[in-house]
Protein backbone atom coordinates (compact mmCIF):
# COMPACT_ATOMS: atom_id res chain seq x y z
CA UNK A 1 0.00 0.00 0.00
CA UNK A 2 1.53 3.35 -1.03
CA UNK A 3 2.30 5.87 1.69
CA UNK A 4 -0.51 8.26 0.73
CA UNK A 5 -3.11 5.44 1.05
CA UNK A 6 -1.83 4.54 4.53
CA UNK A 7 -2.02 8.19 5.58
CA UNK A 8 -5.53 8.59 4.18
CA UNK A 9 -6.74 5.33 5.73
CA UNK A 10 -5.33 6.22 9.15
CA UNK A 11 -6.94 9.65 9.31
CA UNK A 12 -10.19 8.82 7.57
CA UNK A 13 -9.72 11.39 4.79
CA UNK A 14 -11.91 9.75 2.17
CA UNK A 15 -11.79 12.75 -0.15
CA UNK A 16 -8.03 12.60 -0.43
CA UNK A 17 -7.95 8.83 -0.90
CA UNK A 18 -10.56 9.07 -3.66
CA UNK A 19 -8.69 11.89 -5.39
CA UNK A 20 -5.30 10.17 -5.10
CA UNK A 21 -6.65 6.87 -6.43
CA UNK A 22 -8.35 8.55 -9.37
CA UNK A 23 -5.36 10.77 -10.23
CA UNK A 24 -2.56 8.22 -9.67
CA UNK A 25 -2.32 6.92 -13.26
CA UNK A 26 -2.46 10.38 -14.84
CA UNK A 27 0.12 11.77 -12.43
CA UNK A 28 2.38 8.75 -12.93
CA UNK A 29 2.33 9.16 -16.72
CA UNK A 30 3.17 12.84 -16.42
CA UNK A 31 5.94 12.10 -13.91
CA UNK A 32 7.33 9.40 -16.20
CA UNK A 33 7.68 11.92 -19.01
CA UNK A 34 9.27 14.41 -16.62
CA UNK A 35 11.78 11.99 -15.11
CA UNK A 36 12.37 9.42 -17.85
CA UNK A 37 12.46 6.58 -15.32
CA UNK A 38 9.47 4.58 -14.08
CA UNK A 39 10.75 4.10 -10.53
CA UNK A 40 11.70 7.76 -10.10
CA UNK A 41 8.28 8.70 -11.46
CA UNK A 42 6.58 6.53 -8.83
CA UNK A 43 8.71 8.13 -6.10
CA UNK A 44 7.94 11.60 -7.43
CA UNK A 45 4.18 11.02 -7.46
CA UNK A 46 4.21 9.41 -4.03
CA UNK A 47 6.26 12.26 -2.55
CA UNK A 48 3.98 14.82 -4.18
CA UNK A 49 0.81 13.17 -2.89
CA UNK A 50 2.29 12.88 0.62
CA UNK A 51 3.07 16.61 0.62
CA UNK A 52 -0.35 17.46 -0.80
CA UNK A 53 -2.00 15.35 1.91
CA UNK A 54 -0.34 17.48 4.59
CA UNK A 55 -2.13 20.55 3.16
CA UNK A 56 -5.29 18.82 1.90
CA UNK A 57 -7.69 20.68 4.20
CA UNK A 58 -6.36 24.07 3.10
CA UNK A 59 -6.54 23.51 -0.68
CA UNK A 60 -9.64 25.05 -2.29
CA UNK A 61 -11.62 22.27 -4.03
CA UNK A 62 -11.58 24.14 -7.35
CA UNK A 63 -7.76 24.39 -7.30
CA UNK A 64 -6.87 20.80 -6.41
CA UNK A 65 -5.68 19.77 -9.90
CA UNK A 66 -3.66 22.95 -10.33
CA UNK A 67 -2.12 22.59 -6.87
CA UNK A 68 -1.18 18.93 -7.40
CA UNK A 69 0.24 19.58 -10.88
CA UNK A 70 2.28 22.52 -9.63
CA UNK A 71 3.54 20.45 -6.68
CA UNK A 72 4.53 17.62 -9.03
CA UNK A 73 6.48 19.98 -11.29
CA UNK A 74 8.15 21.80 -8.38
CA UNK A 75 9.10 18.53 -6.66
CA UNK A 76 10.65 17.29 -9.90
CA UNK A 77 12.63 20.50 -10.41
CA UNK A 78 13.80 20.39 -6.78
CA UNK A 79 14.80 16.74 -7.18
CA UNK A 80 16.93 17.62 -10.19
CA UNK A 81 18.40 20.70 -8.54
CA UNK A 82 19.41 18.91 -5.35
CA UNK A 83 21.02 16.04 -7.21
CA UNK A 84 20.33 13.73 -4.26
CA UNK A 85 18.91 11.09 -6.53
CA UNK A 86 21.06 9.88 -9.39
CA UNK A 87 19.17 10.76 -12.51
CA UNK A 88 19.51 7.67 -14.68
CA UNK A 89 17.82 7.77 -18.05
CA UNK A 90 17.91 4.33 -19.53
CA UNK A 91 18.64 3.83 -23.23
CA UNK A 92 15.94 1.13 -23.25
CA UNK A 93 12.35 0.80 -22.14
CA UNK A 94 11.50 0.07 -18.49
CA UNK A 95 10.43 -3.40 -17.47
CA UNK A 96 7.73 -4.95 -19.63
CA UNK A 97 5.48 -5.34 -16.58
CA UNK A 98 4.80 -1.62 -16.52
CA UNK A 99 3.71 -1.30 -20.15
CA UNK A 100 0.52 -2.48 -21.78
CA UNK A 101 1.02 -5.04 -24.53
CA UNK A 102 -0.62 -3.38 -27.50
CA UNK A 103 1.27 -5.39 -30.09
CA UNK A 104 2.41 -2.37 -32.04
CA UNK A 105 6.18 -2.45 -32.27
CA UNK A 106 6.31 0.88 -34.06
CA UNK A 107 4.38 2.72 -31.34
CA UNK A 108 6.72 1.25 -28.73
CA UNK A 109 9.74 2.37 -30.75
CA UNK A 110 8.29 5.86 -31.15
CA UNK A 111 7.53 6.08 -27.43
CA UNK A 112 11.09 5.03 -26.63
CA UNK A 113 12.44 7.60 -29.11
CA UNK A 114 10.35 10.34 -27.48
CA UNK A 115 11.57 9.31 -24.03
CA UNK A 116 15.20 9.35 -25.20
CA UNK A 117 14.78 12.72 -26.89
CA UNK A 118 13.01 14.26 -23.88
CA UNK A 119 15.92 13.12 -21.69
CA UNK A 120 18.28 15.40 -23.62
CA UNK A 121 16.27 18.56 -22.91
CA UNK A 122 16.74 20.84 -19.93
CA UNK A 123 14.37 20.29 -17.03
CA UNK A 124 12.39 23.44 -17.85
CA UNK A 125 12.07 22.64 -21.56
CA UNK A 126 10.98 19.08 -20.78
CA UNK A 127 8.46 20.36 -18.22
CA UNK A 128 6.97 22.88 -20.66
CA UNK A 129 6.65 20.29 -23.44
CA UNK A 130 5.11 17.66 -21.15
CA UNK A 131 2.60 20.11 -19.72
CA UNK A 132 1.77 21.55 -23.14
CA UNK A 133 1.53 18.42 -25.27
CA UNK A 134 0.85 15.66 -22.74
CA UNK A 135 -1.30 17.47 -20.17
CA UNK A 136 -2.73 19.71 -22.94
CA UNK A 137 -2.43 22.85 -20.83
CA UNK A 138 -2.55 26.27 -22.47
CA UNK A 139 0.63 28.34 -22.31
CA UNK A 140 -0.90 30.72 -19.78
CA UNK A 141 -1.60 27.86 -17.37
CA UNK A 142 1.95 26.55 -17.81
CA UNK A 143 3.33 30.00 -17.02
CA UNK A 144 1.23 30.00 -13.87
CA UNK A 145 2.38 26.51 -12.85
CA UNK A 146 6.05 27.35 -13.44
CA UNK A 147 5.66 30.87 -12.00
CA UNK A 148 7.27 32.49 -15.03
CA UNK A 149 6.26 34.75 -17.90
CA UNK A 150 4.32 33.65 -20.97
CA UNK A 151 7.30 34.57 -23.14
CA UNK A 152 9.55 32.24 -21.14
CA UNK A 153 7.11 29.37 -21.69
CA UNK A 154 7.00 30.09 -25.43
CA UNK A 155 10.80 30.25 -25.62
CA UNK A 156 11.19 26.93 -23.78
CA UNK A 157 8.57 25.33 -26.02
CA UNK A 158 10.18 26.63 -29.22
CA UNK A 159 13.69 25.59 -28.22
CA UNK A 160 12.53 22.24 -26.88
CA UNK A 161 10.60 21.40 -30.06
CA UNK A 162 13.59 22.42 -32.21
CA UNK A 163 15.84 20.14 -30.16
CA UNK A 164 13.36 17.25 -30.47
CA UNK A 165 13.04 17.70 -34.23
CA UNK A 166 16.80 17.53 -34.68
CA UNK A 167 17.31 14.59 -32.30
CA UNK A 168 18.88 11.50 -33.96
CA UNK A 169 16.23 9.22 -32.45
CA UNK A 170 13.72 10.57 -34.97
CA UNK A 171 15.93 10.19 -38.05
CA UNK A 172 14.99 6.51 -38.42
CA UNK A 173 11.29 7.36 -38.43
CA UNK A 174 11.61 10.17 -40.95
CA UNK A 175 13.76 7.95 -43.20
CA UNK A 176 11.21 5.13 -42.92
CA UNK A 177 8.32 7.43 -43.81
CA UNK A 178 10.27 8.81 -46.79
CA UNK A 179 10.95 5.25 -48.01
CA UNK A 180 7.30 4.25 -47.65
CA UNK A 181 6.25 7.34 -49.61
CA UNK A 182 8.58 6.35 -52.46
CA UNK A 183 7.51 2.69 -52.47
CA UNK A 184 3.81 3.56 -52.73
CA UNK A 185 3.52 6.35 -55.27
CA UNK A 186 0.26 8.18 -55.58
CA UNK A 187 -1.68 7.19 -58.66
CA UNK A 188 -1.40 9.88 -61.31
CA UNK A 189 1.65 11.51 -59.71
CA UNK A 190 4.54 12.49 -61.98
């Protein structure tokens, strides 16, 4: 039983336990993209939920998602800044147990390429891209979460996307799509 569930069970805070259970998968996926490692992502989410639990009664119900997301991002940035935990980004996918078996080798390869490419970005660029394209937050909300200006968010997004586009992990996919375009010409094309 994760730490946040033990805390919630011991104090009878059913609201927190229900929220944490419902949000766990979403938070874990976001944390995985932020950290690049499944086990660090689990630790990050658990630490975040434990800290949120300590303030649960003081968080306005309308701001819970914002507060948890901001806490997750800040805890990740603090984790990187402190360098207490060795930040290992594996050149291969995490254990098979943690991934659904969808039978699509290409989607697994693309996911692995995205993870590798995200690992090369700065923490801020990675955070902006994950919040923008994974969490689907508008730039203004990201600026609020990161406590920075809108221009800073746009700069991080632009630079991060440029770095991802030029990353060698995507060369194989662009070469494969070019080859498939040439092998299946459009009827009537010259």
